Amino acid sequence: MKYKFDVVSIGENVANFLSTSKCITIIDEGCSEGLAAMSVVHTKGKLESDISIGDTLEWGSSKFKIVEIGANVNKNLAELGHCTIVFNGKVNLPGQMAVEGVYLPHFRTGEVVKIY
């Protein structure tokens, strides 16, 4: 297990980002209200080892293959629990991670997320 967390809240703008750009932002709880409104907020996780291309993102019962990682993803996850996950797309910014798999239409609080 490289990284694990529980979903605490889903920001009011997450569904819009997901439908328009097929991406979501995750961040540790305790962030500002503005960030929480546009993010999936989660319990603090510990990055046990760097995430790499070919790893698996398991979100609840869905699994995604990590296909691209921006230069700042591991640093941002370790420090802030923060990155943007792009579903079935390409990384355009250093804080983004791209995954392939069945597209998620919504998220739920309490879901467990693992990267391994």
PDB file of N, CA and C in Angstrom:
ATOM      1  N   MET A   1       0.836  -1.178   0.000  1.00  0.00           N
ATOM      2  CA  MET A   1       0.000   0.000   0.000  1.00  0.00           C
ATOM      3  C   MET A   1       0.883   1.245   0.000  1.00  0.00           C
ATOM      4  N   LYS A   2       0.675   2.094  -0.984  1.00  0.00           N
ATOM      5  CA  LYS A   2       1.482   3.311  -1.079  1.00  0.00           C
ATOM      6  C   LYS A   2       0.791   4.513  -0.442  1.00  0.00           C
ATOM      7  N   TYR A   3      -0.557   4.540  -0.516  1.00  0.00           N
ATOM      8  CA  TYR A   3      -1.313   5.674   0.016  1.00  0.00           C
ATOM      9  C   TYR A   3      -2.739   5.219   0.250  1.00  0.00           C
ATOM     10  N   LYS A   4      -3.329   5.659   1.363  1.00  0.00           N
ATOM     11  CA  LYS A   4      -4.697   5.247   1.695  1.00  0.00           C
ATOM     12  C   LYS A   4      -5.381   6.379   2.452  1.00  0.00           C
ATOM     13  N   PHE A   5      -6.673   6.583   2.171  1.00  0.00           N
ATOM     14  CA  PHE A   5      -7.460   7.563   2.909  1.00  0.00           C
ATOM     15  C   PHE A   5      -8.940   7.230   2.829  1.00  0.00           C
ATOM     16  N   ASP A   6      -9.727   7.887   3.691  1.00  0.00           N
ATOM     17  CA  ASP A   6     -11.188   7.792   3.688  1.00  0.00           C
ATOM     18  C   ASP A   6     -11.755   9.128   3.233  1.00  0.00           C
ATOM     19  N   VAL A   7     -12.781   9.096   2.407  1.00  0.00           N
ATOM     20  CA  VAL A   7     -13.430  10.322   1.936  1.00  0.00           C
ATOM     21  C   VAL A   7     -14.258  10.907   3.078  1.00  0.00           C
ATOM     22  N   VAL A   8     -14.013  12.190   3.384  1.00  0.00           N
ATOM     23  CA  VAL A   8     -14.698  12.886   4.467  1.00  0.00           C
ATOM     24  C   VAL A   8     -15.867  13.712   3.923  1.00  0.00           C
ATOM     25  N   SER A   9     -15.640  14.426   2.813  1.00  0.00           N
ATOM     26  CA  SER A   9     -16.709  15.243   2.228  1.00  0.00           C
ATOM     27  C   SER A   9     -16.470  15.432   0.738  1.00  0.00           C
ATOM     28  N   ILE A  10     -17.567  15.745   0.057  1.00  0.00           N
ATOM     29  CA  ILE A  10     -17.532  16.001  -1.388  1.00  0.00           C
ATOM     30  C   ILE A  10     -17.961  17.456  -1.589  1.00  0.00           C
ATOM     31  N   GLY A  11     -17.081  18.278  -2.111  1.00  0.00           N
ATOM     32  CA  GLY A  11     -17.397  19.688  -2.312  1.00  0.00           C
ATOM     33  C   GLY A  11     -18.526  19.903  -3.303  1.00  0.00           C
ATOM     34  N   GLU A  12     -19.228  21.006  -3.130  1.00  0.00           N
ATOM     35  CA  GLU A  12     -20.397  21.311  -3.969  1.00  0.00           C
ATOM     36  C   GLU A  12     -20.058  21.476  -5.445  1.00  0.00           C
ATOM     37  N   ASN A  13     -18.810  21.759  -5.774  1.00  0.00           N
ATOM     38  CA  ASN A  13     -18.419  21.965  -7.175  1.00  0.00           C
ATOM     39  C   ASN A  13     -17.758  20.746  -7.819  1.00  0.00           C
ATOM     40  N   VAL A  14     -17.589  19.668  -7.075  1.00  0.00           N
ATOM     41  CA  VAL A  14     -16.912  18.472  -7.589  1.00  0.00           C
ATOM     42  C   VAL A  14     -17.652  17.889  -8.793  1.00  0.00           C
ATOM     43  N   ALA A  15     -18.959  17.762  -8.703  1.00  0.00           N
ATOM     44  CA  ALA A  15     -19.744  17.181  -9.807  1.00  0.00           C
ATOM     45  C   ALA A  15     -19.583  17.994 -11.088  1.00  0.00           C
ATOM     46  N   ASN A  16     -19.515  19.307 -10.976  1.00  0.00           N
ATOM     47  CA  ASN A  16     -19.339  20.160 -12.149  1.00  0.00           C
ATOM     48  C   ASN A  16     -17.974  19.917 -12.808  1.00  0.00           C
ATOM     49  N   PHE A  17     -16.908  19.882 -11.994  1.00  0.00           N
ATOM     50  CA  PHE A  17     -15.570  19.611 -12.543  1.00  0.00           C
ATOM     51  C   PHE A  17     -15.529  18.239 -13.204  1.00  0.00           C
ATOM     52  N   LEU A  18     -16.170  17.276 -12.565  1.00  0.00           N
ATOM     53  CA  LEU A  18     -16.169  15.921 -13.097  1.00  0.00           C
ATOM     54  C   LEU A  18     -16.889  15.850 -14.434  1.00  0.00           C
ATOM     55  N   SER A  19     -18.026  16.527 -14.545  1.00  0.00           N
ATOM     56  CA  SER A  19     -18.791  16.460 -15.794  1.00  0.00           C
ATOM     57  C   SER A  19     -18.159  17.286 -16.911  1.00  0.00           C
ATOM     58  N   THR A  20     -17.506  18.399 -16.583  1.00  0.00           N
ATOM     59  CA  THR A  20     -16.932  19.248 -17.633  1.00  0.00           C
ATOM     60  C   THR A  20     -15.518  18.861 -18.028  1.00  0.00           C
ATOM     61  N   SER A  21     -14.715  18.390 -17.075  1.00  0.00           N
ATOM     62  CA  SER A  21     -13.321  18.089 -17.414  1.00  0.00           C
ATOM     63  C   SER A  21     -12.855  16.707 -16.987  1.00  0.00           C
ATOM     64  N   LYS A  22     -13.772  15.870 -16.494  1.00  0.00           N
ATOM     65  CA  LYS A  22     -13.463  14.501 -16.083  1.00  0.00           C
ATOM     66  C   LYS A  22     -12.265  14.430 -15.141  1.00  0.00           C
ATOM     67  N   CYS A  23     -12.258  15.360 -14.184  1.00  0.00           N
ATOM     68  CA  CYS A  23     -11.209  15.346 -13.181  1.00  0.00           C
ATOM     69  C   CYS A  23     -11.779  15.772 -11.832  1.00  0.00           C
ATOM     70  N   ILE A  24     -11.069  15.380 -10.772  1.00  0.00           N
ATOM     71  CA  ILE A  24     -11.398  15.808  -9.426  1.00  0.00           C
ATOM     72  C   ILE A  24     -10.108  16.177  -8.714  1.00  0.00           C
ATOM     73  N   THR A  25     -10.239  16.995  -7.695  1.00  0.00           N
ATOM     74  CA  THR A  25      -9.117  17.354  -6.849  1.00  0.00           C
ATOM     75  C   THR A  25      -9.344  16.732  -5.482  1.00  0.00           C
ATOM     76  N   ILE A  26      -8.302  16.148  -4.923  1.00  0.00           N
ATOM     77  CA  ILE A  26      -8.373  15.610  -3.567  1.00  0.00           C
ATOM     78  C   ILE A  26      -7.446  16.428  -2.678  1.00  0.00           C
ATOM     79  N   ILE A  27      -7.800  16.528  -1.375  1.00  0.00           N
ATOM     80  CA  ILE A  27      -6.968  17.266  -0.426  1.00  0.00           C
ATOM     81  C   ILE A  27      -7.289  16.819   0.995  1.00  0.00           C
ATOM     82  N   ASP A  28      -6.293  16.919   1.881  1.00  0.00           N
ATOM     83  CA  ASP A  28      -6.475  16.570   3.292  1.00  0.00           C
ATOM     84  C   ASP A  28      -7.537  17.441   3.944  1.00  0.00           C
ATOM     85  N   GLU A  29      -8.249  16.855   4.929  1.00  0.00           N
ATOM     86  CA  GLU A  29      -9.206  17.644   5.701  1.00  0.00           C
ATOM     87  C   GLU A  29      -8.454  18.728   6.462  1.00  0.00           C
ATOM     88  N   GLY A  30      -9.170  19.808   6.783  1.00  0.00           N
ATOM     89  CA  GLY A  30      -8.545  20.951   7.426  1.00  0.00           C
ATOM     90  C   GLY A  30      -8.180  22.034   6.434  1.00  0.00           C
ATOM     91  N   CYS A  31      -8.465  21.811   5.155  1.00  0.00           N
ATOM     92  CA  CYS A  31      -8.183  22.815   4.128  1.00  0.00           C
ATOM     93  C   CYS A  31      -9.192  23.964   4.248  1.00  0.00           C
ATOM     94  N   SER A  32      -8.980  25.026   3.504  1.00  0.00           N
ATOM     95  CA  SER A  32      -9.890  26.170   3.533  1.00  0.00           C
ATOM     96  C   SER A  32     -11.260  25.794   2.966  1.00  0.00           C
ATOM     97  N   GLU A  33     -12.278  26.564   3.307  1.00  0.00           N
ATOM     98  CA  GLU A  33     -13.630  26.313   2.794  1.00  0.00           C
ATOM     99  C   GLU A  33     -13.663  26.406   1.267  1.00  0.00           C
ATOM    100  N   GLY A  34     -12.904  27.338   0.704  1.00  0.00           N
ATOM    101  CA  GLY A  34     -12.861  27.487  -0.749  1.00  0.00           C
ATOM    102  C   GLY A  34     -12.327  26.243  -1.436  1.00  0.00           C
ATOM    103  N   LEU A  35     -11.250  25.679  -0.909  1.00  0.00           N
ATOM    104  CA  LEU A  35     -10.697  24.440  -1.473  1.00  0.00           C
ATOM    105  C   LEU A  35     -11.648  23.276  -1.258  1.00  0.00           C
ATOM    106  N   ALA A  36     -12.271  23.208  -0.090  1.00  0.00           N
ATOM    107  CA  ALA A  36     -13.200  22.113   0.213  1.00  0.00           C
ATOM    108  C   ALA A  36     -14.391  22.120  -0.743  1.00  0.00           C
ATOM    109  N   ALA A  37     -14.834  23.293  -1.169  1.00  0.00           N
ATOM    110  CA  ALA A  37     -15.997  23.397  -2.068  1.00  0.00           C
ATOM    111  C   ALA A  37     -15.713  22.799  -3.442  1.00  0.00           C
ATOM    112  N   MET A  38     -14.443  22.746  -3.835  1.00  0.00           N
ATOM    113  CA  MET A  38     -14.116  22.228  -5.163  1.00  0.00           C
ATOM    114  C   MET A  38     -13.325  20.927  -5.120  1.00  0.00           C
ATOM    115  N   SER A  39     -13.301  20.278  -3.942  1.00  0.00           N
ATOM    116  CA  SER A  39     -12.459  19.093  -3.768  1.00  0.00           C
ATOM    117  C   SER A  39     -13.190  17.946  -3.086  1.00  0.00           C
ATOM    118  N   VAL A  40     -12.595  16.767  -3.233  1.00  0.00           N
ATOM    119  CA  VAL A  40     -12.949  15.631  -2.402  1.00  0.00           C
ATOM    120  C   VAL A  40     -11.992  15.706  -1.216  1.00  0.00           C
ATOM    121  N   VAL A  41     -12.536  15.969  -0.038  1.00  0.00           N
ATOM    122  CA  VAL A  41     -11.727  16.129   1.170  1.00  0.00           C
ATOM    123  C   VAL A  41     -11.616  14.763   1.848  1.00  0.00           C
ATOM    124  N   HIS A  42     -10.403  14.448   2.335  1.00  0.00           N
ATOM    125  CA  HIS A  42     -10.169  13.122   2.902  1.00  0.00           C
ATOM    126  C   HIS A  42      -9.343  13.172   4.170  1.00  0.00           C
ATOM    127  N   THR A  43      -9.358  12.053   4.896  1.00  0.00           N
ATOM    128  CA  THR A  43      -8.520  11.921   6.078  1.00  0.00           C
ATOM    129  C   THR A  43      -7.064  12.005   5.651  1.00  0.00           C
ATOM    130  N   LYS A  44      -6.218  12.396   6.581  1.00  0.00           N
ATOM    131  CA  LYS A  44      -4.798  12.511   6.257  1.00  0.00           C
ATOM    132  C   LYS A  44      -4.220  11.126   6.012  1.00  0.00           C
ATOM    133  N   GLY A  45      -3.626  10.960   4.849  1.00  0.00           N
ATOM    134  CA  GLY A  45      -2.946   9.717   4.508  1.00  0.00           C
ATOM    135  C   GLY A  45      -1.446   9.916   4.607  1.00  0.00           C
ATOM    136  N   LYS A  46      -0.718   8.820   4.658  1.00  0.00           N
ATOM    137  CA  LYS A  46       0.748   8.895   4.655  1.00  0.00           C
ATOM    138  C   LYS A  46       1.243   8.250   3.381  1.00  0.00           C
ATOM    139  N   LEU A  47       2.014   8.993   2.613  1.00  0.00           N
ATOM    140  CA  LEU A  47       2.602   8.450   1.391  1.00  0.00           C
ATOM    141  C   LEU A  47       3.750   7.527   1.805  1.00  0.00           C
ATOM    142  N   GLU A  48       3.509   6.224   1.700  1.00  0.00           N
ATOM    143  CA  GLU A  48       4.493   5.221   2.134  1.00  0.00           C
ATOM    144  C   GLU A  48       5.631   5.065   1.138  1.00  0.00           C
ATOM    145  N   SER A  49       5.330   5.219  -0.163  1.00  0.00           N
ATOM    146  CA  SER A  49       6.352   5.224  -1.210  1.00  0.00           C
ATOM    147  C   SER A  49       5.771   5.928  -2.423  1.00  0.00           C
ATOM    148  N   ASP A  50       6.653   6.400  -3.288  1.00  0.00           N
ATOM    149  CA  ASP A  50       6.208   7.170  -4.446  1.00  0.00           C
ATOM    150  C   ASP A  50       5.251   6.372  -5.330  1.00  0.00           C
ATOM    151  N   ILE A  51       4.239   7.054  -5.798  1.00  0.00           N
ATOM    152  CA  ILE A  51       3.288   6.480  -6.745  1.00  0.00           C
ATOM    153  C   ILE A  51       3.954   6.466  -8.110  1.00  0.00           C
ATOM    154  N   SER A  52       3.746   5.397  -8.860  1.00  0.00           N
ATOM    155  CA  SER A  52       4.398   5.221 -10.158  1.00  0.00           C
ATOM    156  C   SER A  52       3.377   4.849 -11.225  1.00  0.00           C
ATOM    157  N   ILE A  53       3.746   5.081 -12.471  1.00  0.00           N
ATOM    158  CA  ILE A  53       2.926   4.630 -13.591  1.00  0.00           C
ATOM    159  C   ILE A  53       2.791   3.113 -13.493  1.00  0.00           C
ATOM    160  N   GLY A  54       1.572   2.623 -13.705  1.00  0.00           N
ATOM    161  CA  GLY A  54       1.300   1.195 -13.601  1.00  0.00           C
ATOM    162  C   GLY A  54       0.677   0.804 -12.266  1.00  0.00           C
ATOM    163  N   ASP A  55       0.749   1.696 -11.257  1.00  0.00           N
ATOM    164  CA  ASP A  55       0.100   1.423  -9.977  1.00  0.00           C
ATOM    165  C   ASP A  55      -1.418   1.438 -10.161  1.00  0.00           C
ATOM    166  N   THR A  56      -2.131   0.994  -9.130  1.00  0.00           N
ATOM    167  CA  THR A  56      -3.590   0.936  -9.158  1.00  0.00           C
ATOM    168  C   THR A  56      -4.178   1.927  -8.162  1.00  0.00           C
ATOM    169  N   LEU A  57      -5.169   2.680  -8.607  1.00  0.00           N
ATOM    170  CA  LEU A  57      -5.992   3.522  -7.743  1.00  0.00           C
ATOM    171  C   LEU A  57      -7.296   2.770  -7.529  1.00  0.00           C
ATOM    172  N   GLU A  58      -7.581   2.408  -6.292  1.00  0.00           N
ATOM    173  CA  GLU A  58      -8.813   1.705  -5.960  1.00  0.00           C
ATOM    174  C   GLU A  58      -9.703   2.667  -5.182  1.00  0.00           C
ATOM    175  N   TRP A  59     -10.832   3.040  -5.767  1.00  0.00           N
ATOM    176  CA  TRP A  59     -11.745   4.005  -5.149  1.00  0.00           C
ATOM    177  C   TRP A  59     -13.045   3.264  -4.866  1.00  0.00           C
ATOM    178  N   GLY A  60     -13.265   2.918  -3.600  1.00  0.00           N
ATOM    179  CA  GLY A  60     -14.415   2.087  -3.276  1.00  0.00           C
ATOM    180  C   GLY A  60     -14.263   0.758  -3.998  1.00  0.00           C
ATOM    181  N   SER A  61     -15.256   0.403  -4.813  1.00  0.00           N
ATOM    182  CA  SER A  61     -15.204  -0.867  -5.545  1.00  0.00           C
ATOM    183  C   SER A  61     -14.653  -0.720  -6.967  1.00  0.00           C
ATOM    184  N   SER A  62     -14.244   0.490  -7.347  1.00  0.00           N
ATOM    185  CA  SER A  62     -13.716   0.731  -8.700  1.00  0.00           C
ATOM    186  C   SER A  62     -12.189   0.748  -8.683  1.00  0.00           C
ATOM    187  N   LYS A  63     -11.597   0.200  -9.747  1.00  0.00           N
ATOM    188  CA  LYS A  63     -10.135   0.196  -9.875  1.00  0.00           C
ATOM    189  C   LYS A  63      -9.727   0.898 -11.159  1.00  0.00           C
ATOM    190  N   PHE A  64      -8.637   1.667 -11.059  1.00  0.00           N
ATOM    191  CA  PHE A  64      -8.122   2.435 -12.189  1.00  0.00           C
ATOM    192  C   PHE A  64      -6.617   2.219 -12.286  1.00  0.00           C
ATOM    193  N   LYS A  65      -6.114   2.117 -13.488  1.00  0.00           N
ATOM    194  CA  LYS A  65      -4.673   2.004 -13.722  1.00  0.00           C
ATOM    195  C   LYS A  65      -4.098   3.413 -13.837  1.00  0.00           C
ATOM    196  N   ILE A  66      -3.038   3.689 -13.098  1.00  0.00           N
ATOM    197  CA  ILE A  66      -2.370   4.988 -13.178  1.00  0.00           C
ATOM    198  C   ILE A  66      -1.474   4.980 -14.407  1.00  0.00           C
ATOM    199  N   VAL A  67      -1.732   5.906 -15.331  1.00  0.00           N
ATOM    200  CA  VAL A  67      -1.028   5.904 -16.615  1.00  0.00           C
ATOM    201  C   VAL A  67      -0.090   7.097 -16.814  1.00  0.00           C
ATOM    202  N   GLU A  68      -0.228   8.113 -15.986  1.00  0.00           N
ATOM    203  CA  GLU A  68       0.646   9.281 -16.116  1.00  0.00           C
ATOM    204  C   GLU A  68       0.664  10.021 -14.782  1.00  0.00           C
ATOM    205  N   ILE A  69       1.836  10.544 -14.400  1.00  0.00           N
ATOM    206  CA  ILE A  69       1.985  11.239 -13.125  1.00  0.00           C
ATOM    207  C   ILE A  69       2.760  12.525 -13.341  1.00  0.00           C
ATOM    208  N   GLY A  70       2.173  13.637 -12.906  1.00  0.00           N
ATOM    209  CA  GLY A  70       2.855  14.925 -12.989  1.00  0.00           C
ATOM    210  C   GLY A  70       4.025  14.983 -12.019  1.00  0.00           C
ATOM    211  N   ALA A  71       4.957  15.885 -12.291  1.00  0.00           N
ATOM    212  CA  ALA A  71       6.202  15.982 -11.528  1.00  0.00           C
ATOM    213  C   ALA A  71       5.999  16.290 -10.045  1.00  0.00           C
ATOM    214  N   ASN A  72       4.881  16.932  -9.664  1.00  0.00           N
ATOM    215  CA  ASN A  72       4.678  17.325  -8.270  1.00  0.00           C
ATOM    216  C   ASN A  72       3.690  16.447  -7.499  1.00  0.00           C
ATOM    217  N   VAL A  73       3.155  15.414  -8.105  1.00  0.00           N
ATOM    218  CA  VAL A  73       2.113  14.615  -7.457  1.00  0.00           C
ATOM    219  C   VAL A  73       2.600  14.002  -6.143  1.00  0.00           C
ATOM    220  N   ASN A  74       3.716  13.321  -6.137  1.00  0.00           N
ATOM    221  CA  ASN A  74       4.178  12.659  -4.918  1.00  0.00           C
ATOM    222  C   ASN A  74       4.505  13.666  -3.814  1.00  0.00           C
ATOM    223  N   LYS A  75       5.141  14.758  -4.152  1.00  0.00           N
ATOM    224  CA  LYS A  75       5.457  15.814  -3.176  1.00  0.00           C
ATOM    225  C   LYS A  75       4.173  16.398  -2.593  1.00  0.00           C
ATOM    226  N   ASN A  76       3.202  16.722  -3.451  1.00  0.00           N
ATOM    227  CA  ASN A  76       1.948  17.325  -2.993  1.00  0.00           C
ATOM    228  C   ASN A  76       1.134  16.352  -2.138  1.00  0.00           C
ATOM    229  N   LEU A  77       1.112  15.073  -2.509  1.00  0.00           N
ATOM    230  CA  LEU A  77       0.396  14.094  -1.698  1.00  0.00           C
ATOM    231  C   LEU A  77       1.046  13.954  -0.328  1.00  0.00           C
ATOM    232  N   ALA A  78       2.356  13.905  -0.282  1.00  0.00           N
ATOM    233  CA  ALA A  78       3.067  13.752   0.987  1.00  0.00           C
ATOM    234  C   ALA A  78       2.835  14.950   1.900  1.00  0.00           C
ATOM    235  N   GLU A  79       2.807  16.146   1.345  1.00  0.00           N
ATOM    236  CA  GLU A  79       2.708  17.359   2.159  1.00  0.00           C
ATOM    237  C   GLU A  79       1.276  17.797   2.446  1.00  0.00           C
ATOM    238  N   LEU A  80       0.368  17.652   1.471  1.00  0.00           N
ATOM    239  CA  LEU A  80      -0.984  18.211   1.592  1.00  0.00           C
ATOM    240  C   LEU A  80      -2.098  17.216   1.320  1.00  0.00           C
ATOM    241  N   GLY A  81      -1.733  16.003   0.916  1.00  0.00           N
ATOM    242  CA  GLY A  81      -2.755  15.043   0.501  1.00  0.00           C
ATOM    243  C   GLY A  81      -3.472  15.530  -0.738  1.00  0.00           C
ATOM    244  N   HIS A  82      -2.768  16.281  -1.563  1.00  0.00           N
ATOM    245  CA  HIS A  82      -3.401  16.998  -2.674  1.00  0.00           C
ATOM    246  C   HIS A  82      -2.887  16.539  -4.038  1.00  0.00           C
ATOM    247  N   CYS A  83      -3.809  16.316  -4.952  1.00  0.00           N
ATOM    248  CA  CYS A  83      -3.511  16.171  -6.373  1.00  0.00           C
ATOM    249  C   CYS A  83      -4.823  16.221  -7.135  1.00  0.00           C
ATOM    250  N   THR A  84      -4.730  16.346  -8.425  1.00  0.00           N
ATOM    251  CA  THR A  84      -5.899  16.285  -9.284  1.00  0.00           C
ATOM    252  C   THR A  84      -5.826  14.971 -10.038  1.00  0.00           C
ATOM    253  N   ILE A  85      -6.931  14.238 -10.021  1.00  0.00           N
ATOM    254  CA  ILE A  85      -7.012  12.961 -10.716  1.00  0.00           C
ATOM    255  C   ILE A  85      -7.814  13.169 -11.991  1.00  0.00           C
ATOM    256  N   VAL A  86      -7.179  12.869 -13.124  1.00  0.00           N
ATOM    257  CA  VAL A  86      -7.810  13.014 -14.437  1.00  0.00           C
ATOM    258  C   VAL A  86      -8.244  11.626 -14.893  1.00  0.00           C
ATOM    259  N   PHE A  87      -9.546  11.473 -15.161  1.00  0.00           N
ATOM    260  CA  PHE A  87     -10.088  10.182 -15.578  1.00  0.00           C
ATOM    261  C   PHE A  87     -10.063  10.065 -17.100  1.00  0.00           C
ATOM    262  N   ASN A  88      -9.344   9.051 -17.605  1.00  0.00           N
ATOM    263  CA  ASN A  88      -9.276   8.760 -19.037  1.00  0.00           C
ATOM    264  C   ASN A  88      -8.861   9.977 -19.859  1.00  0.00           C
ATOM    265  N   GLY A  89      -7.832  10.666 -19.382  1.00  0.00           N
ATOM    266  CA  GLY A  89      -7.319  11.840 -20.076  1.00  0.00           C
ATOM    267  C   GLY A  89      -5.815  11.928 -19.947  1.00  0.00           C
ATOM    268  N   LYS A  90      -5.284  13.114 -20.132  1.00  0.00           N
ATOM    269  CA  LYS A  90      -3.843  13.357 -20.093  1.00  0.00           C
ATOM    270  C   LYS A  90      -3.498  14.354 -18.996  1.00  0.00           C
ATOM    271  N   VAL A  91      -2.301  14.230 -18.467  1.00  0.00           N
ATOM    272  CA  VAL A  91      -1.769  15.176 -17.491  1.00  0.00           C
ATOM    273  C   VAL A  91      -1.358  16.449 -18.222  1.00  0.00           C
ATOM    274  N   ASN A  92      -1.857  17.593 -17.753  1.00  0.00           N
ATOM    275  CA  ASN A  92      -1.489  18.887 -18.335  1.00  0.00           C
ATOM    276  C   ASN A  92      -0.738  19.779 -17.357  1.00  0.00           C
ATOM    277  N   LEU A  93      -0.776  19.423 -16.070  1.00  0.00           N
ATOM    278  CA  LEU A  93      -0.139  20.221 -15.027  1.00  0.00           C
ATOM    279  C   LEU A  93       0.669  19.312 -14.111  1.00  0.00           C
ATOM    280  N   PRO A  94       1.686  19.841 -13.418  1.00  0.00           N
ATOM    281  CA  PRO A  94       2.558  18.995 -12.599  1.00  0.00           C
ATOM    282  C   PRO A  94       1.879  18.337 -11.400  1.00  0.00           C
ATOM    283  N   GLY A  95       0.719  18.829 -10.980  1.00  0.00           N
ATOM    284  CA  GLY A  95       0.018  18.261  -9.841  1.00  0.00           C
ATOM    285  C   GLY A  95      -1.081  17.286 -10.221  1.00  0.00           C
ATOM    286  N   GLN A  96      -1.082  16.822 -11.462  1.00  0.00           N
ATOM    287  CA  GLN A  96      -2.132  15.918 -11.935  1.00  0.00           C
ATOM    288  C   GLN A  96      -1.620  14.487 -12.092  1.00  0.00           C
ATOM    289  N   MET A  97      -2.563  13.550 -11.886  1.00  0.00           N
ATOM    290  CA  MET A  97      -2.315  12.127 -12.105  1.00  0.00           C
ATOM    291  C   MET A  97      -3.429  11.633 -13.021  1.00  0.00           C
ATOM    292  N   ALA A  98      -3.087  10.944 -14.106  1.00  0.00           N
ATOM    293  CA  ALA A  98      -4.085  10.424 -15.041  1.00  0.00           C
ATOM    294  C   ALA A  98      -4.288   8.937 -14.792  1.00  0.00           C
ATOM    295  N   VAL A  99      -5.571   8.530 -14.836  1.00  0.00           N
ATOM    296  CA  VAL A  99      -5.931   7.124 -14.648  1.00  0.00           C
ATOM    297  C   VAL A  99      -6.855   6.679 -15.771  1.00  0.00           C
ATOM    298  N   GLU A 100      -6.826   5.371 -16.036  1.00  0.00           N
ATOM    299  CA  GLU A 100      -7.734   4.775 -17.020  1.00  0.00           C
ATOM    300  C   GLU A 100      -8.608   3.762 -16.307  1.00  0.00           C
ATOM    301  N   GLY A 101      -9.854   3.698 -16.726  1.00  0.00           N
ATOM    302  CA  GLY A 101     -10.781   2.734 -16.147  1.00  0.00           C
ATOM    303  C   GLY A 101     -12.204   3.226 -16.291  1.00  0.00           C
ATOM    304  N   VAL A 102     -13.133   2.518 -15.657  1.00  0.00           N
ATOM    305  CA  VAL A 102     -14.538   2.883 -15.726  1.00  0.00           C
ATOM    306  C   VAL A 102     -14.720   4.249 -15.072  1.00  0.00           C
ATOM    307  N   TYR A 103     -15.307   5.170 -15.796  1.00  0.00           N
ATOM    308  CA  TYR A 103     -15.523   6.537 -15.342  1.00  0.00           C
ATOM    309  C   TYR A 103     -16.465   6.560 -14.144  1.00  0.00           C
ATOM    310  N   LEU A 104     -16.129   7.329 -13.111  1.00  0.00           N
ATOM    311  CA  LEU A 104     -16.961   7.437 -11.914  1.00  0.00           C
ATOM    312  C   LEU A 104     -17.966   8.582 -12.049  1.00  0.00           C
ATOM    313  N   PRO A 105     -19.254   8.305 -11.966  1.00  0.00           N
ATOM    314  CA  PRO A 105     -20.241   9.373 -12.075  1.00  0.00           C
ATOM    315  C   PRO A 105     -20.400  10.191 -10.799  1.00  0.00           C
ATOM    316  N   HIS A 106     -20.064   9.631  -9.641  1.00  0.00           N
ATOM    317  CA  HIS A 106     -20.197  10.344  -8.370  1.00  0.00           C
ATOM    318  C   HIS A 106     -19.328   9.675  -7.312  1.00  0.00           C
ATOM    319  N   PHE A 107     -19.199  10.337  -6.179  1.00  0.00           N
ATOM    320  CA  PHE A 107     -18.396   9.825  -5.079  1.00  0.00           C
ATOM    321  C   PHE A 107     -19.229   9.871  -3.812  1.00  0.00           C
ATOM    322  N   ARG A 108     -18.842   9.095  -2.805  1.00  0.00           N
ATOM    323  CA  ARG A 108     -19.579   9.047  -1.542  1.00  0.00           C
ATOM    324  C   ARG A 108     -18.638   9.254  -0.353  1.00  0.00           C
ATOM    325  N   THR A 109     -19.157   9.919   0.656  1.00  0.00           N
ATOM    326  CA  THR A 109     -18.383  10.037   1.897  1.00  0.00           C
ATOM    327  C   THR A 109     -18.258   8.648   2.499  1.00  0.00           C
ATOM    328  N   GLY A 110     -17.166   8.429   3.198  1.00  0.00           N
ATOM    329  CA  GLY A 110     -16.918   7.142   3.833  1.00  0.00           C
ATOM    330  C   GLY A 110     -16.202   6.139   2.959  1.00  0.00           C
ATOM    331  N   GLU A 111     -16.113   6.394   1.631  1.00  0.00           N
ATOM    332  CA  GLU A 111     -15.422   5.446   0.754  1.00  0.00           C
ATOM    333  C   GLU A 111     -13.933   5.399   1.113  1.00  0.00           C
ATOM    334  N   VAL A 112     -13.359   4.228   0.979  1.00  0.00           N
ATOM    335  CA  VAL A 112     -11.923   4.044   1.218  1.00  0.00           C
ATOM    336  C   VAL A 112     -11.216   4.091  -0.126  1.00  0.00           C
ATOM    337  N   VAL A 113     -10.130   4.842  -0.188  1.00  0.00           N
ATOM    338  CA  VAL A 113      -9.347   4.980  -1.407  1.00  0.00           C
ATOM    339  C   VAL A 113      -7.932   4.482  -1.127  1.00  0.00           C
ATOM    340  N   LYS A 114      -7.430   3.626  -2.030  1.00  0.00           N
ATOM    341  CA  LYS A 114      -6.087   3.057  -1.861  1.00  0.00           C
ATOM    342  C   LYS A 114      -5.315   3.217  -3.161  1.00  0.00           C
ATOM    343  N   ILE A 115      -4.028   3.416  -3.029  1.00  0.00           N
ATOM    344  CA  ILE A 115      -3.131   3.395  -4.185  1.00  0.00           C
ATOM    345  C   ILE A 115      -2.053   2.373  -3.855  1.00  0.00           C
ATOM    346  N   TYR A 116      -1.864   1.429  -4.782  1.00  0.00           N
ATOM    347  CA  TYR A 116      -0.860   0.375  -4.574  1.00  0.00           C
ATOM    348  C   TYR A 116      -0.286  -0.070  -5.895  1.00  0.00           C
TER     349      TYR A 116
END
